[in-house]
Amino acid sequence: MTTKRGSLSIAGAGKATGGIYERVTISGAGRVDGDIEADSVEISGAGKIVGKVKTNRVELAGACKIVGAVTAQRFDAAGAWKVGGDVQSEQFKAAGAGSVEGNVQAQEFSNAGAMKIAKNLRAQRAKFGGVLKAGGDVEASEFRGSGAFRIEGLLAADQLELELSERSWAREIGGAKIEVRKRESFWGWLARWWGRQIVLSADVIEADEIYLEATRAKTVRGKRVTLGPECRIERVEYSESVQIDPKSVVKEQVRL
């Protein structure tokens, strides 16, 4: 049986080795080499852990970094933080300009600011405000977002609600109910002033019930499809009903 070493606290440019602790606190340019297991881990400033972290609660603030994977009940981060591996947490809450160089898996996912996930995001409930980028798929039972996103793979959610204020993109979007609306804001007005369109682009959008605004897609497929203003769709496939705003264009309509 491994014995805990008590608490570890580093301030300034101090260094320590990994291990099992009650509590780990790193501030300034403090550094820990090796894996950490603790009840709580707090890193601020330019603090760094070169190893994996397993804890009940991790808090990151500033330009701090964890090189390895993180497993926690609660993950809270703010500033220009970075995790070099996967993050698995019951509750994931982030702000600022953060990045995860692996997958993120959580029950509750919340992000405000700019966040980049190198691989996949999987959550029960997910919401973001700002900019979200994912190099793989994003999957959730409920997904709500406001701002802009770029998802290289599939965006899938039973309930999906998006408010666009910048150009957004996903390879494919699927779910039971999809709602995409264009949000008017100062930043949206500024983007248009500079010639940048507020638009969602996707190859395929598919759901039972669909409402879209400011969307470009090759194929939109659903039972009940409603296209609001500013949509440009190559092909709409529907089984029950379709409604198209006069300010939108559809090249082909097919009833299944």
Foldseek 3Di string as FASTA:
>chain_A
DDDAPEEAEEEADAEEEEDEYAEYEYEHDYEYEEEHEYQEYEYEAAYEYAYEYEYQEYEYYEDYEYQEEYEYQEYEYEYAYEYNEEYEYQYAEYEYEYEYAYEYEYQEEEYEEHYEYAAEYEYQEYEYEAEYEHNYEYEYQYYEYEEEYEYAEEYEYQHYEYEWLAEYEYAEYEHAEYEYYYDDDPSSVVCVVVVGHGAYEYAEYEHAYYEDERYEYAEYEHAEEEYDANYEYAEYEYAHYYHYYPRYDYNYYHHD
